[in-house]
């Protein structure tokens, strides 16, 4: 409709056609849109889940010689799964933000129960 010379819809003509990789708005929802607000809400919710996970690690783990609190994945899984079924995803997000450390790319229930998760 943007290219249609017979279209009377001025709203379509006023929108930019495309954004390109160098554009700061590339890959982002329009400012003030409901999509932008949903993204902000989701980011906030995940942040709260990461905080809660860190509190669970602190309360169930043991302080090591280095002063950091550590817990095994099996113990954390059993404790945290009653709160949320997204334990591994939240752990990965916490590691991405530098809040926890553990070996391996992914953790699997049963197989990785002895992996140590350290709160940084």
C-alpha atoms as a PDB file:
ATOM      1  CA  UNK A   1       0.000   0.000   0.000  1.00  0.00           C
ATOM      2  CA  UNK A   2       2.965   2.364   0.553  1.00  0.00           C
ATOM      3  CA  UNK A   3       3.769   2.256  -3.150  1.00  0.00           C
ATOM      4  CA  UNK A   4       0.150   2.374  -4.319  1.00  0.00           C
ATOM      5  CA  UNK A   5      -0.512   5.891  -5.741  1.00  0.00           C
ATOM      6  CA  UNK A   6      -4.257   5.334  -5.393  1.00  0.00           C
ATOM      7  CA  UNK A   7      -4.161   4.529  -1.692  1.00  0.00           C
ATOM      8  CA  UNK A   8      -5.815   7.091   0.582  1.00  0.00           C
ATOM      9  CA  UNK A   9      -4.295   5.678   3.760  1.00  0.00           C
ATOM     10  CA  UNK A  10      -1.839   8.374   4.916  1.00  0.00           C
ATOM     11  CA  UNK A  11      -0.747   6.283   7.930  1.00  0.00           C
ATOM     12  CA  UNK A  12       1.000   3.779   5.660  1.00  0.00           C
ATOM     13  CA  UNK A  13       2.841   6.438   3.678  1.00  0.00           C
ATOM     14  CA  UNK A  14       4.279   8.069   6.809  1.00  0.00           C
ATOM     15  CA  UNK A  15       5.985   4.906   8.126  1.00  0.00           C
ATOM     16  CA  UNK A  16       9.571   4.213   7.105  1.00  0.00           C
ATOM     17  CA  UNK A  17       9.833   1.372   4.606  1.00  0.00           C
ATOM     18  CA  UNK A  18      12.761  -0.560   6.115  1.00  0.00           C
ATOM     19  CA  UNK A  19      15.556  -0.152   8.596  1.00  0.00           C
ATOM     20  CA  UNK A  20      19.054  -1.390   7.854  1.00  0.00           C
ATOM     21  CA  UNK A  21      21.672  -3.023  10.060  1.00  0.00           C
ATOM     22  CA  UNK A  22      23.513   0.219  10.779  1.00  0.00           C
ATOM     23  CA  UNK A  23      20.329   1.945  11.937  1.00  0.00           C
ATOM     24  CA  UNK A  24      20.035   2.166  15.764  1.00  0.00           C
ATOM     25  CA  UNK A  25      16.356   1.146  15.559  1.00  0.00           C
ATOM     26  CA  UNK A  26      17.134  -2.002  13.529  1.00  0.00           C
ATOM     27  CA  UNK A  27      15.624  -5.113  15.141  1.00  0.00           C
ATOM     28  CA  UNK A  28      13.776  -3.120  17.792  1.00  0.00           C
ATOM     29  CA  UNK A  29      10.049  -2.545  18.162  1.00  0.00           C
ATOM     30  CA  UNK A  30       8.725   0.980  17.607  1.00  0.00           C
ATOM     31  CA  UNK A  31       9.046   3.234  20.658  1.00  0.00           C
ATOM     32  CA  UNK A  32       5.915   3.380  22.768  1.00  0.00           C
ATOM     33  CA  UNK A  33       4.411   0.264  21.171  1.00  0.00           C
ATOM     34  CA  UNK A  34       2.824  -2.590  23.085  1.00  0.00           C
ATOM     35  CA  UNK A  35       5.554  -4.867  21.749  1.00  0.00           C
ATOM     36  CA  UNK A  36       8.207  -2.671  23.353  1.00  0.00           C
ATOM     37  CA  UNK A  37       6.303  -2.697  26.659  1.00  0.00           C
ATOM     38  CA  UNK A  38       5.924  -6.500  26.592  1.00  0.00           C
ATOM     39  CA  UNK A  39       9.681  -6.813  26.021  1.00  0.00           C
ATOM     40  CA  UNK A  40      10.427  -4.535  28.974  1.00  0.00           C
ATOM     41  CA  UNK A  41       8.014  -6.483  31.184  1.00  0.00           C
ATOM     42  CA  UNK A  42       9.594  -9.810  30.176  1.00  0.00           C
ATOM     43  CA  UNK A  43      13.104  -8.460  30.855  1.00  0.00           C
ATOM     44  CA  UNK A  44      12.007  -7.293  34.302  1.00  0.00           C
ATOM     45  CA  UNK A  45      10.364 -10.651  35.081  1.00  0.00           C
ATOM     46  CA  UNK A  46      13.466 -12.633  34.095  1.00  0.00           C
ATOM     47  CA  UNK A  47      15.629 -10.275  36.168  1.00  0.00           C
ATOM     48  CA  UNK A  48      13.484 -11.018  39.227  1.00  0.00           C
ATOM     49  CA  UNK A  49      13.782 -14.769  38.585  1.00  0.00           C
ATOM     50  CA  UNK A  50      17.588 -14.459  38.375  1.00  0.00           C
ATOM     51  CA  UNK A  51      17.610 -12.573  41.696  1.00  0.00           C
ATOM     52  CA  UNK A  52      15.416 -15.244  43.279  1.00  0.00           C
ATOM     53  CA  UNK A  53      17.712 -17.995  41.983  1.00  0.00           C
ATOM     54  CA  UNK A  54      20.729 -16.252  43.535  1.00  0.00           C
ATOM     55  CA  UNK A  55      18.897 -16.029  46.873  1.00  0.00           C
ATOM     56  CA  UNK A  56      18.082 -19.755  46.704  1.00  0.00           C
ATOM     57  CA  UNK A  57      21.738 -20.575  45.982  1.00  0.00           C
ATOM     58  CA  UNK A  58      22.814 -18.397  48.916  1.00  0.00           C
ATOM     59  CA  UNK A  59      20.345 -20.036  51.299  1.00  0.00           C
ATOM     60  CA  UNK A  60      20.918 -23.673  50.246  1.00  0.00           C
ATOM     61  CA  UNK A  61      24.616 -23.580  49.383  1.00  0.00           C
ATOM     62  CA  UNK A  62      27.726 -23.711  51.520  1.00  0.00           C
ATOM     63  CA  UNK A  63      30.487 -21.134  51.781  1.00  0.00           C
ATOM     64  CA  UNK A  64      33.741 -22.473  50.362  1.00  0.00           C
ATOM     65  CA  UNK A  65      37.349 -21.633  51.168  1.00  0.00           C
ATOM     66  CA  UNK A  66      37.320 -18.858  48.574  1.00  0.00           C
ATOM     67  CA  UNK A  67      34.345 -17.202  50.304  1.00  0.00           C
ATOM     68  CA  UNK A  68      31.903 -17.958  47.502  1.00  0.00           C
ATOM     69  CA  UNK A  69      28.683 -19.890  48.088  1.00  0.00           C
ATOM     70  CA  UNK A  70      28.429 -23.129  46.086  1.00  0.00           C
ATOM     71  CA  UNK A  71      25.728 -25.730  45.559  1.00  0.00           C
ATOM     72  CA  UNK A  72      25.432 -28.813  43.357  1.00  0.00           C
ATOM     73  CA  UNK A  73      23.099 -28.656  40.387  1.00  0.00           C
ATOM     74  CA  UNK A  74      21.115 -31.630  41.713  1.00  0.00           C
ATOM     75  CA  UNK A  75      20.472 -29.945  45.040  1.00  0.00           C
ATOM     76  CA  UNK A  76      19.583 -26.637  43.370  1.00  0.00           C
ATOM     77  CA  UNK A  77      17.299 -28.375  40.868  1.00  0.00           C
ATOM     78  CA  UNK A  78      15.359 -30.170  43.608  1.00  0.00           C
ATOM     79  CA  UNK A  79      14.964 -26.951  45.590  1.00  0.00           C
ATOM     80  CA  UNK A  80      14.212 -24.543  42.756  1.00  0.00           C
ATOM     81  CA  UNK A  81      11.983 -26.743  40.576  1.00  0.00           C
ATOM     82  CA  UNK A  82       9.142 -26.219  43.062  1.00  0.00           C
ATOM     83  CA  UNK A  83       9.434 -22.466  42.396  1.00  0.00           C
ATOM     84  CA  UNK A  84       9.949 -22.507  38.630  1.00  0.00           C
ATOM     85  CA  UNK A  85      10.407 -25.102  35.899  1.00  0.00           C
ATOM     86  CA  UNK A  86      12.946 -22.897  34.097  1.00  0.00           C
ATOM     87  CA  UNK A  87      15.947 -23.657  36.343  1.00  0.00           C
ATOM     88  CA  UNK A  88      18.458 -24.245  33.551  1.00  0.00           C
ATOM     89  CA  UNK A  89      17.364 -21.234  31.506  1.00  0.00           C
ATOM     90  CA  UNK A  90      17.593 -18.934  34.503  1.00  0.00           C
ATOM     91  CA  UNK A  91      21.013 -20.388  35.382  1.00  0.00           C
ATOM     92  CA  UNK A  92      22.246 -19.673  31.858  1.00  0.00           C
ATOM     93  CA  UNK A  93      20.966 -16.098  32.093  1.00  0.00           C
ATOM     94  CA  UNK A  94      22.638 -15.646  35.498  1.00  0.00           C
ATOM     95  CA  UNK A  95      25.932 -16.923  34.045  1.00  0.00           C
ATOM     96  CA  UNK A  96      25.596 -14.567  31.085  1.00  0.00           C
ATOM     97  CA  UNK A  97      25.373 -11.673  33.554  1.00  0.00           C
ATOM     98  CA  UNK A  98      28.368 -12.923  35.568  1.00  0.00           C
ATOM     99  CA  UNK A  99      26.409 -13.876  38.681  1.00  0.00           C
ATOM    100  CA  UNK A 100      27.175 -17.613  38.746  1.00  0.00           C
ATOM    101  CA  UNK A 101      29.856 -19.944  37.427  1.00  0.00           C
ATOM    102  CA  UNK A 102      29.626 -23.609  36.436  1.00  0.00           C
ATOM    103  CA  UNK A 103      31.338 -26.006  34.049  1.00  0.00           C
ATOM    104  CA  UNK A 104      29.775 -27.024  30.773  1.00  0.00           C
ATOM    105  CA  UNK A 105      27.600 -25.444  28.162  1.00  0.00           C
ATOM    106  CA  UNK A 106      24.288 -26.936  29.361  1.00  0.00           C
ATOM    107  CA  UNK A 107      23.139 -28.731  32.504  1.00  0.00           C
ATOM    108  CA  UNK A 108      20.984 -31.871  32.393  1.00  0.00           C
ATOM    109  CA  UNK A 109      18.978 -33.285  35.288  1.00  0.00           C
ATOM    110  CA  UNK A 110      20.454 -36.575  36.483  1.00  0.00           C
ATOM    111  CA  UNK A 111      23.585 -36.443  34.327  1.00  0.00           C
ATOM    112  CA  UNK A 112      24.949 -33.173  35.770  1.00  0.00           C
ATOM    113  CA  UNK A 113      23.653 -33.436  39.347  1.00  0.00           C
ATOM    114  CA  UNK A 114      27.210 -33.246  40.740  1.00  0.00           C
ATOM    115  CA  UNK A 115      28.219 -30.090  38.832  1.00  0.00           C
ATOM    116  CA  UNK A 116      29.135 -27.303  41.240  1.00  0.00           C
ATOM    117  CA  UNK A 117      27.384 -23.965  40.764  1.00  0.00           C
ATOM    118  CA  UNK A 118      29.199 -21.059  42.414  1.00  0.00           C
ATOM    119  CA  UNK A 119      27.577 -17.736  43.266  1.00  0.00           C
ATOM    120  CA  UNK A 120      29.973 -14.926  42.323  1.00  0.00           C
END
